[in-house]
Amino acid sequence: MKVNTDDAIGMVISVDIISAKGSLVLPKGITVNESLAKALLRQGINEIEAESVISEPVIQANEIDDAYHEHVNLLFLRHRGPFMKEFQAWLLKK
């Protein structure tokens, strides 16, 4: 989506920015911060193609804990010696 450069702060450039002479100014994928926006405006680039940053879904701590416990238990499935049981218990305390 085409946006004003000064409104693109926090957004990600979605298309390479090419100068009037055909050289690459900035590649796509760069996140625009305030100083970058000012530099683009000084070069006369008043509009850019940019997208809002979509945040990753928040993973609940208990989902991570459950996955961690499952993984550790799977790793120690075949190891039943006393040292390994103690090590498994220590890993699961964290």
PDB file of N, CA and C in Angstrom:
ATOM      1  N   MET A   1       0.845  -1.154   0.000  1.00  0.00           N
ATOM      2  CA  MET A   1       0.000   0.000   0.000  1.00  0.00           C
ATOM      3  C   MET A   1       0.900   1.230   0.000  1.00  0.00           C
ATOM      4  N   LYS A   2       0.574   2.189  -0.785  1.00  0.00           N
ATOM      5  CA  LYS A   2       1.352   3.416  -0.879  1.00  0.00           C
ATOM      6  C   LYS A   2       0.978   4.328   0.285  1.00  0.00           C
ATOM      7  N   VAL A   3       1.992   4.750   1.039  1.00  0.00           N
ATOM      8  CA  VAL A   3       1.775   5.636   2.188  1.00  0.00           C
ATOM      9  C   VAL A   3       2.762   6.784   2.148  1.00  0.00           C
ATOM     10  N   ASN A   4       2.410   7.878   2.813  1.00  0.00           N
ATOM     11  CA  ASN A   4       3.354   8.983   2.954  1.00  0.00           C
ATOM     12  C   ASN A   4       4.542   8.501   3.765  1.00  0.00           C
ATOM     13  N   THR A   5       5.710   8.915   3.382  1.00  0.00           N
ATOM     14  CA  THR A   5       6.933   8.446   4.041  1.00  0.00           C
ATOM     15  C   THR A   5       6.916   8.753   5.530  1.00  0.00           C
ATOM     16  N   ASP A   6       6.463   9.937   5.909  1.00  0.00           N
ATOM     17  CA  ASP A   6       6.453  10.276   7.332  1.00  0.00           C
ATOM     18  C   ASP A   6       5.388   9.509   8.110  1.00  0.00           C
ATOM     19  N   ASP A   7       4.429   8.893   7.429  1.00  0.00           N
ATOM     20  CA  ASP A   7       3.423   8.056   8.086  1.00  0.00           C
ATOM     21  C   ASP A   7       3.840   6.586   8.127  1.00  0.00           C
ATOM     22  N   ALA A   8       4.961   6.244   7.521  1.00  0.00           N
ATOM     23  CA  ALA A   8       5.393   4.841   7.394  1.00  0.00           C
ATOM     24  C   ALA A   8       6.274   4.370   8.541  1.00  0.00           C
ATOM     25  N   ILE A   9       6.495   5.197   9.538  1.00  0.00           N
ATOM     26  CA  ILE A   9       7.355   4.810  10.662  1.00  0.00           C
ATOM     27  C   ILE A   9       6.739   3.595  11.364  1.00  0.00           C
ATOM     28  N   GLY A  10       7.553   2.565  11.522  1.00  0.00           N
ATOM     29  CA  GLY A  10       7.107   1.318  12.131  1.00  0.00           C
ATOM     30  C   GLY A  10       6.581   0.304  11.121  1.00  0.00           C
ATOM     31  N   MET A  11       6.483   0.712   9.873  1.00  0.00           N
ATOM     32  CA  MET A  11       6.001  -0.185   8.823  1.00  0.00           C
ATOM     33  C   MET A  11       7.194  -0.807   8.096  1.00  0.00           C
ATOM     34  N   VAL A  12       6.924  -1.832   7.291  1.00  0.00           N
ATOM     35  CA  VAL A  12       7.972  -2.519   6.542  1.00  0.00           C
ATOM     36  C   VAL A  12       7.829  -2.172   5.066  1.00  0.00           C
ATOM     37  N   ILE A  13       8.952  -1.826   4.431  1.00  0.00           N
ATOM     38  CA  ILE A  13       8.956  -1.494   3.001  1.00  0.00           C
ATOM     39  C   ILE A  13       8.603  -2.760   2.228  1.00  0.00           C
ATOM     40  N   SER A  14       7.563  -2.678   1.382  1.00  0.00           N
ATOM     41  CA  SER A  14       7.072  -3.876   0.694  1.00  0.00           C
ATOM     42  C   SER A  14       7.596  -4.021  -0.731  1.00  0.00           C
ATOM     43  N   VAL A  15       8.197  -2.961  -1.277  1.00  0.00           N
ATOM     44  CA  VAL A  15       8.742  -2.989  -2.639  1.00  0.00           C
ATOM     45  C   VAL A  15      10.080  -2.255  -2.607  1.00  0.00           C
ATOM     46  N   ASP A  16      11.082  -2.769  -3.338  1.00  0.00           N
ATOM     47  CA  ASP A  16      12.368  -2.073  -3.415  1.00  0.00           C
ATOM     48  C   ASP A  16      12.149  -0.610  -3.786  1.00  0.00           C
ATOM     49  N   ILE A  17      12.877   0.281  -3.126  1.00  0.00           N
ATOM     50  CA  ILE A  17      12.814   1.704  -3.472  1.00  0.00           C
ATOM     51  C   ILE A  17      13.947   1.976  -4.445  1.00  0.00           C
ATOM     52  N   ILE A  18      13.577   2.430  -5.638  1.00  0.00           N
ATOM     53  CA  ILE A  18      14.532   2.682  -6.714  1.00  0.00           C
ATOM     54  C   ILE A  18      14.598   4.188  -6.966  1.00  0.00           C
ATOM     55  N   SER A  19      15.813   4.712  -7.146  1.00  0.00           N
ATOM     56  CA  SER A  19      15.974   6.141  -7.423  1.00  0.00           C
ATOM     57  C   SER A  19      15.539   6.449  -8.844  1.00  0.00           C
ATOM     58  N   ALA A  20      15.458   7.737  -9.142  1.00  0.00           N
ATOM     59  CA  ALA A  20      15.085   8.175 -10.494  1.00  0.00           C
ATOM     60  C   ALA A  20      16.108   7.701 -11.525  1.00  0.00           C
ATOM     61  N   LYS A  21      17.354   7.477 -11.083  1.00  0.00           N
ATOM     62  CA  LYS A  21      18.409   7.015 -11.988  1.00  0.00           C
ATOM     63  C   LYS A  21      18.417   5.493 -12.122  1.00  0.00           C
ATOM     64  N   GLY A  22      17.542   4.814 -11.383  1.00  0.00           N
ATOM     65  CA  GLY A  22      17.449   3.367 -11.500  1.00  0.00           C
ATOM     66  C   GLY A  22      18.274   2.565 -10.519  1.00  0.00           C
ATOM     67  N   SER A  23      18.902   3.239  -9.571  1.00  0.00           N
ATOM     68  CA  SER A  23      19.704   2.499  -8.592  1.00  0.00           C
ATOM     69  C   SER A  23      18.864   2.195  -7.343  1.00  0.00           C
ATOM     70  N   LEU A  24      19.243   1.142  -6.658  1.00  0.00           N
ATOM     71  CA  LEU A  24      18.525   0.723  -5.467  1.00  0.00           C
ATOM     72  C   LEU A  24      18.811   1.669  -4.315  1.00  0.00           C
ATOM     73  N   VAL A  25      17.759   2.235  -3.754  1.00  0.00           N
ATOM     74  CA  VAL A  25      17.897   3.099  -2.580  1.00  0.00           C
ATOM     75  C   VAL A  25      17.780   2.241  -1.322  1.00  0.00           C
ATOM     76  N   LEU A  26      16.712   1.451  -1.251  1.00  0.00           N
ATOM     77  CA  LEU A  26      16.493   0.539  -0.125  1.00  0.00           C
ATOM     78  C   LEU A  26      15.793  -0.720  -0.619  1.00  0.00           C
ATOM     79  N   PRO A  27      16.209  -1.878  -0.118  1.00  0.00           N
ATOM     80  CA  PRO A  27      15.514  -3.116  -0.506  1.00  0.00           C
ATOM     81  C   PRO A  27      14.231  -3.278   0.302  1.00  0.00           C
ATOM     82  N   LYS A  28      13.327  -4.082  -0.223  1.00  0.00           N
ATOM     83  CA  LYS A  28      12.107  -4.359   0.525  1.00  0.00           C
ATOM     84  C   LYS A  28      12.458  -5.155   1.779  1.00  0.00           C
ATOM     85  N   GLY A  29      11.589  -5.070   2.781  1.00  0.00           N
ATOM     86  CA  GLY A  29      11.806  -5.805   4.021  1.00  0.00           C
ATOM     87  C   GLY A  29      12.421  -4.981   5.134  1.00  0.00           C
ATOM     88  N   ILE A  30      12.823  -3.752   4.842  1.00  0.00           N
ATOM     89  CA  ILE A  30      13.417  -2.882   5.856  1.00  0.00           C
ATOM     90  C   ILE A  30      12.296  -2.216   6.653  1.00  0.00           C
ATOM     91  N   THR A  31      12.443  -2.173   7.976  1.00  0.00           N
ATOM     92  CA  THR A  31      11.475  -1.474   8.815  1.00  0.00           C
ATOM     93  C   THR A  31      11.853   0.001   8.863  1.00  0.00           C
ATOM     94  N   VAL A  32      10.874   0.845   8.627  1.00  0.00           N
ATOM     95  CA  VAL A  32      11.106   2.291   8.588  1.00  0.00           C
ATOM     96  C   VAL A  32      11.099   2.842  10.009  1.00  0.00           C
ATOM     97  N   ASN A  33      12.193   3.505  10.378  1.00  0.00           N
ATOM     98  CA  ASN A  33      12.222   4.209  11.658  1.00  0.00           C
ATOM     99  C   ASN A  33      12.245   5.714  11.363  1.00  0.00           C
ATOM    100  N   GLU A  34      12.268   6.516  12.393  1.00  0.00           N
ATOM    101  CA  GLU A  34      12.157   7.962  12.212  1.00  0.00           C
ATOM    102  C   GLU A  34      13.314   8.540  11.401  1.00  0.00           C
ATOM    103  N   SER A  35      14.535   8.126  11.695  1.00  0.00           N
ATOM    104  CA  SER A  35      15.687   8.668  10.975  1.00  0.00           C
ATOM    105  C   SER A  35      15.692   8.236   9.508  1.00  0.00           C
ATOM    106  N   LEU A  36      15.258   7.021   9.237  1.00  0.00           N
ATOM    107  CA  LEU A  36      15.175   6.544   7.857  1.00  0.00           C
ATOM    108  C   LEU A  36      14.123   7.331   7.088  1.00  0.00           C
ATOM    109  N   ALA A  37      12.992   7.601   7.723  1.00  0.00           N
ATOM    110  CA  ALA A  37      11.937   8.383   7.073  1.00  0.00           C
ATOM    111  C   ALA A  37      12.446   9.782   6.733  1.00  0.00           C
ATOM    112  N   LYS A  38      13.174  10.384   7.658  1.00  0.00           N
ATOM    113  CA  LYS A  38      13.726  11.732   7.415  1.00  0.00           C
ATOM    114  C   LYS A  38      14.723  11.698   6.261  1.00  0.00           C
ATOM    115  N   ALA A  39      15.563  10.654   6.206  1.00  0.00           N
ATOM    116  CA  ALA A  39      16.544  10.539   5.117  1.00  0.00           C
ATOM    117  C   ALA A  39      15.846  10.379   3.769  1.00  0.00           C
ATOM    118  N   LEU A  40      14.788   9.587   3.730  1.00  0.00           N
ATOM    119  CA  LEU A  40      14.034   9.416   2.483  1.00  0.00           C
ATOM    120  C   LEU A  40      13.382  10.727   2.060  1.00  0.00           C
ATOM    121  N   LEU A  41      12.834  11.452   3.012  1.00  0.00           N
ATOM    122  CA  LEU A  41      12.208  12.742   2.695  1.00  0.00           C
ATOM    123  C   LEU A  41      13.240  13.736   2.168  1.00  0.00           C
ATOM    124  N   ARG A  42      14.453  13.720   2.727  1.00  0.00           N
ATOM    125  CA  ARG A  42      15.522  14.612   2.239  1.00  0.00           C
ATOM    126  C   ARG A  42      15.886  14.287   0.790  1.00  0.00           C
ATOM    127  N   GLN A  43      15.704  13.016   0.389  1.00  0.00           N
ATOM    128  CA  GLN A  43      15.993  12.616  -0.982  1.00  0.00           C
ATOM    129  C   GLN A  43      14.805  12.845  -1.904  1.00  0.00           C
ATOM    130  N   GLY A  44      13.729  13.408  -1.360  1.00  0.00           N
ATOM    131  CA  GLY A  44      12.558  13.688  -2.179  1.00  0.00           C
ATOM    132  C   GLY A  44      11.622  12.501  -2.349  1.00  0.00           C
ATOM    133  N   ILE A  45      11.787  11.490  -1.539  1.00  0.00           N
ATOM    134  CA  ILE A  45      10.904  10.321  -1.601  1.00  0.00           C
ATOM    135  C   ILE A  45       9.793  10.537  -0.582  1.00  0.00           C
ATOM    136  N   ASN A  46       8.666  11.043  -1.073  1.00  0.00           N
ATOM    137  CA  ASN A  46       7.563  11.434  -0.198  1.00  0.00           C
ATOM    138  C   ASN A  46       6.550  10.316   0.031  1.00  0.00           C
ATOM    139  N   GLU A  47       6.554   9.308  -0.841  1.00  0.00           N
ATOM    140  CA  GLU A  47       5.652   8.168  -0.693  1.00  0.00           C
ATOM    141  C   GLU A  47       6.432   6.886  -0.934  1.00  0.00           C
ATOM    142  N   ILE A  48       6.074   5.865  -0.178  1.00  0.00           N
ATOM    143  CA  ILE A  48       6.692   4.555  -0.366  1.00  0.00           C
ATOM    144  C   ILE A  48       5.617   3.480  -0.263  1.00  0.00           C
ATOM    145  N   GLU A  49       5.939   2.321  -0.793  1.00  0.00           N
ATOM    146  CA  GLU A  49       5.072   1.153  -0.639  1.00  0.00           C
ATOM    147  C   GLU A  49       5.490   0.470   0.660  1.00  0.00           C
ATOM    148  N   ALA A  50       4.567   0.397   1.623  1.00  0.00           N
ATOM    149  CA  ALA A  50       4.882  -0.196   2.922  1.00  0.00           C
ATOM    150  C   ALA A  50       3.668  -0.928   3.469  1.00  0.00           C
ATOM    151  N   GLU A  51       3.953  -1.864   4.363  1.00  0.00           N
ATOM    152  CA  GLU A  51       2.904  -2.660   5.003  1.00  0.00           C
ATOM    153  C   GLU A  51       3.052  -2.563   6.509  1.00  0.00           C
ATOM    154  N   SER A  52       1.953  -2.678   7.199  1.00  0.00           N
ATOM    155  CA  SER A  52       1.990  -2.726   8.659  1.00  0.00           C
ATOM    156  C   SER A  52       2.659  -4.020   9.083  1.00  0.00           C
ATOM    157  N   VAL A  53       3.366  -3.947  10.179  1.00  0.00           N
ATOM    158  CA  VAL A  53       4.012  -5.137  10.718  1.00  0.00           C
ATOM    159  C   VAL A  53       2.947  -5.945  11.444  1.00  0.00           C
ATOM    160  N   ILE A  54       2.808  -7.198  11.055  1.00  0.00           N
ATOM    161  CA  ILE A  54       1.853  -8.084  11.713  1.00  0.00           C
ATOM    162  C   ILE A  54       2.601  -8.801  12.813  1.00  0.00           C
ATOM    163  N   SER A  55       2.125  -8.627  14.025  1.00  0.00           N
ATOM    164  CA  SER A  55       2.817  -9.252  15.149  1.00  0.00           C
ATOM    165  C   SER A  55       2.491 -10.736  15.199  1.00  0.00           C
ATOM    166  N   GLU A  56       3.447 -11.486  15.698  1.00  0.00           N
ATOM    167  CA  GLU A  56       3.278 -12.923  15.863  1.00  0.00           C
ATOM    168  C   GLU A  56       2.227 -13.174  16.933  1.00  0.00           C
ATOM    169  N   PRO A  57       1.470 -14.239  16.801  1.00  0.00           N
ATOM    170  CA  PRO A  57       0.509 -14.544  17.860  1.00  0.00           C
ATOM    171  C   PRO A  57       1.232 -14.799  19.178  1.00  0.00           C
ATOM    172  N   VAL A  58       0.637 -14.335  20.233  1.00  0.00           N
ATOM    173  CA  VAL A  58       1.242 -14.501  21.553  1.00  0.00           C
ATOM    174  C   VAL A  58       1.055 -15.948  22.000  1.00  0.00           C
ATOM    175  N   ILE A  59       2.161 -16.565  22.378  1.00  0.00           N
ATOM    176  CA  ILE A  59       2.110 -17.945  22.875  1.00  0.00           C
ATOM    177  C   ILE A  59       2.068 -17.872  24.391  1.00  0.00           C
ATOM    178  N   GLN A  60       1.105 -18.513  24.955  1.00  0.00           N
ATOM    179  CA  GLN A  60       0.963 -18.514  26.403  1.00  0.00           C
ATOM    180  C   GLN A  60       2.098 -19.313  27.036  1.00  0.00           C
ATOM    181  N   ALA A  61       2.517 -18.878  28.219  1.00  0.00           N
ATOM    182  CA  ALA A  61       3.621 -19.536  28.915  1.00  0.00           C
ATOM    183  C   ALA A  61       3.316 -21.002  29.193  1.00  0.00           C
ATOM    184  N   ASN A  62       2.070 -21.312  29.518  1.00  0.00           N
ATOM    185  CA  ASN A  62       1.750 -22.713  29.819  1.00  0.00           C
ATOM    186  C   ASN A  62       1.836 -23.590  28.576  1.00  0.00           C
ATOM    187  N   GLU A  63       1.618 -23.023  27.374  1.00  0.00           N
ATOM    188  CA  GLU A  63       1.784 -23.795  26.141  1.00  0.00           C
ATOM    189  C   GLU A  63       3.253 -24.155  25.945  1.00  0.00           C
ATOM    190  N   ILE A  64       4.128 -23.214  26.242  1.00  0.00           N
ATOM    191  CA  ILE A  64       5.565 -23.470  26.132  1.00  0.00           C
ATOM    192  C   ILE A  64       5.968 -24.514  27.160  1.00  0.00           C
ATOM    193  N   ASP A  65       5.472 -24.379  28.389  1.00  0.00           N
ATOM    194  CA  ASP A  65       5.794 -25.344  29.447  1.00  0.00           C
ATOM    195  C   ASP A  65       5.331 -26.741  29.069  1.00  0.00           C
ATOM    196  N   ASP A  66       4.106 -26.842  28.556  1.00  0.00           N
ATOM    197  CA  ASP A  66       3.586 -28.154  28.164  1.00  0.00           C
ATOM    198  C   ASP A  66       4.434 -28.779  27.060  1.00  0.00           C
ATOM    199  N   ALA A  67       4.785 -27.981  26.060  1.00  0.00           N
ATOM    200  CA  ALA A  67       5.601 -28.487  24.952  1.00  0.00           C
ATOM    201  C   ALA A  67       6.985 -28.891  25.451  1.00  0.00           C
ATOM    202  N   TYR A  68       7.559 -28.111  26.356  1.00  0.00           N
ATOM    203  CA  TYR A  68       8.873 -28.409  26.911  1.00  0.00           C
ATOM    204  C   TYR A  68       8.839 -29.729  27.691  1.00  0.00           C
ATOM    205  N   HIS A  69       7.843 -29.885  28.558  1.00  0.00           N
ATOM    206  CA  HIS A  69       7.722 -31.117  29.341  1.00  0.00           C
ATOM    207  C   HIS A  69       7.553 -32.328  28.422  1.00  0.00           C
ATOM    208  N   GLU A  70       6.726 -32.174  27.411  1.00  0.00           N
ATOM    209  CA  GLU A  70       6.505 -33.277  26.470  1.00  0.00           C
ATOM    210  C   GLU A  70       7.801 -33.647  25.760  1.00  0.00           C
ATOM    211  N   HIS A  71       8.562 -32.632  25.347  1.00  0.00           N
ATOM    212  CA  HIS A  71       9.816 -32.865  24.640  1.00  0.00           C
ATOM    213  C   HIS A  71      10.835 -33.562  25.544  1.00  0.00           C
ATOM    214  N   VAL A  72      10.990 -33.075  26.762  1.00  0.00           N
ATOM    215  CA  VAL A  72      11.949 -33.689  27.691  1.00  0.00           C
ATOM    216  C   VAL A  72      11.548 -35.128  27.995  1.00  0.00           C
ATOM    217  N   ASN A  73      10.265 -35.354  28.234  1.00  0.00           N
ATOM    218  CA  ASN A  73       9.814 -36.722  28.519  1.00  0.00           C
ATOM    219  C   ASN A  73      10.064 -37.643  27.329  1.00  0.00           C
ATOM    220  N   LEU A  74       9.895 -37.144  26.123  1.00  0.00           N
ATOM    221  CA  LEU A  74      10.158 -37.938  24.931  1.00  0.00           C
ATOM    222  C   LEU A  74      11.647 -38.271  24.813  1.00  0.00           C
ATOM    223  N   LEU A  75      12.508 -37.299  25.118  1.00  0.00           N
ATOM    224  CA  LEU A  75      13.955 -37.531  25.047  1.00  0.00           C
ATOM    225  C   LEU A  75      14.409 -38.614  26.019  1.00  0.00           C
ATOM    226  N   PHE A  76      13.767 -38.678  27.176  1.00  0.00           N
ATOM    227  CA  PHE A  76      14.194 -39.604  28.213  1.00  0.00           C
ATOM    228  C   PHE A  76      13.369 -40.884  28.238  1.00  0.00           C
ATOM    229  N   LEU A  77      12.575 -41.127  27.220  1.00  0.00           N
ATOM    230  CA  LEU A  77      11.707 -42.293  27.169  1.00  0.00           C
ATOM    231  C   LEU A  77      12.493 -43.602  27.314  1.00  0.00           C
ATOM    232  N   ARG A  78      13.637 -43.710  26.659  1.00  0.00           N
ATOM    233  CA  ARG A  78      14.421 -44.953  26.677  1.00  0.00           C
ATOM    234  C   ARG A  78      15.448 -44.990  27.799  1.00  0.00           C
ATOM    235  N   HIS A  79      15.679 -43.887  28.471  1.00  0.00           N
ATOM    236  CA  HIS A  79      16.741 -43.811  29.478  1.00  0.00           C
ATOM    237  C   HIS A  79      16.125 -43.863  30.870  1.00  0.00           C
ATOM    238  N   ARG A  80      16.251 -45.000  31.525  1.00  0.00           N
ATOM    239  CA  ARG A  80      15.598 -45.197  32.818  1.00  0.00           C
ATOM    240  C   ARG A  80      16.582 -45.417  33.969  1.00  0.00           C
ATOM    241  N   GLY A  81      17.872 -45.155  33.735  1.00  0.00           N
ATOM    242  CA  GLY A  81      18.837 -45.305  34.822  1.00  0.00           C
ATOM    243  C   GLY A  81      18.638 -44.223  35.866  1.00  0.00           C
ATOM    244  N   PRO A  82      19.183 -44.422  37.085  1.00  0.00           N
ATOM    245  CA  PRO A  82      18.974 -43.457  38.169  1.00  0.00           C
ATOM    246  C   PRO A  82      19.518 -42.061  37.837  1.00  0.00           C
ATOM    247  N   PHE A  83      20.702 -42.004  37.210  1.00  0.00           N
ATOM    248  CA  PHE A  83      21.253 -40.702  36.855  1.00  0.00           C
ATOM    249  C   PHE A  83      20.360 -39.993  35.842  1.00  0.00           C
ATOM    250  N   MET A  84      19.888 -40.728  34.858  1.00  0.00           N
ATOM    251  CA  MET A  84      19.064 -40.119  33.814  1.00  0.00           C
ATOM    252  C   MET A  84      17.720 -39.651  34.382  1.00  0.00           C
ATOM    253  N   LYS A  85      17.142 -40.420  35.314  1.00  0.00           N
ATOM    254  CA  LYS A  85      15.886 -39.991  35.945  1.00  0.00           C
ATOM    255  C   LYS A  85      16.105 -38.709  36.747  1.00  0.00           C
ATOM    256  N   GLU A  86      17.250 -38.645  37.433  1.00  0.00           N
ATOM    257  CA  GLU A  86      17.571 -37.447  38.206  1.00  0.00           C
ATOM    258  C   GLU A  86      17.773 -36.244  37.271  1.00  0.00           C
ATOM    259  N   PHE A  87      18.469 -36.482  36.171  1.00  0.00           N
ATOM    260  CA  PHE A  87      18.699 -35.417  35.190  1.00  0.00           C
ATOM    261  C   PHE A  87      17.372 -34.951  34.576  1.00  0.00           C
ATOM    262  N   GLN A  88      16.499 -35.890  34.261  1.00  0.00           N
ATOM    263  CA  GLN A  88      15.182 -35.565  33.693  1.00  0.00           C
ATOM    264  C   GLN A  88      14.384 -34.718  34.697  1.00  0.00           C
ATOM    265  N   ALA A  89      14.395 -35.117  35.942  1.00  0.00           N
ATOM    266  CA  ALA A  89      13.669 -34.379  36.984  1.00  0.00           C
ATOM    267  C   ALA A  89      14.231 -32.965  37.120  1.00  0.00           C
ATOM    268  N   TRP A  90      15.549 -32.831  37.044  1.00  0.00           N
ATOM    269  CA  TRP A  90      16.181 -31.509  37.144  1.00  0.00           C
ATOM    270  C   TRP A  90      15.755 -30.639  35.962  1.00  0.00           C
ATOM    271  N   LEU A  91      15.735 -31.190  34.759  1.00  0.00           N
ATOM    272  CA  LEU A  91      15.313 -30.412  33.591  1.00  0.00           C
ATOM    273  C   LEU A  91      13.853 -29.965  33.705  1.00  0.00           C
ATOM    274  N   LEU A  92      13.017 -30.809  34.257  1.00  0.00           N
ATOM    275  CA  LEU A  92      11.597 -30.479  34.356  1.00  0.00           C
ATOM    276  C   LEU A  92      11.277 -29.498  35.482  1.00  0.00           C
ATOM    277  N   LYS A  93      12.231 -29.294  36.395  1.00  0.00           N
ATOM    278  CA  LYS A  93      12.027 -28.291  37.469  1.00  0.00           C
ATOM    279  C   LYS A  93      12.071 -26.878  36.917  1.00  0.00           C
ATOM    280  N   LYS A  94      12.806 -26.662  35.866  1.00  0.00           N
ATOM    281  CA  LYS A  94      13.019 -25.308  35.323  1.00  0.00           C
ATOM    282  C   LYS A  94      11.798 -24.785  34.645  1.00  0.00           C
TER     283      LYS A  94
END
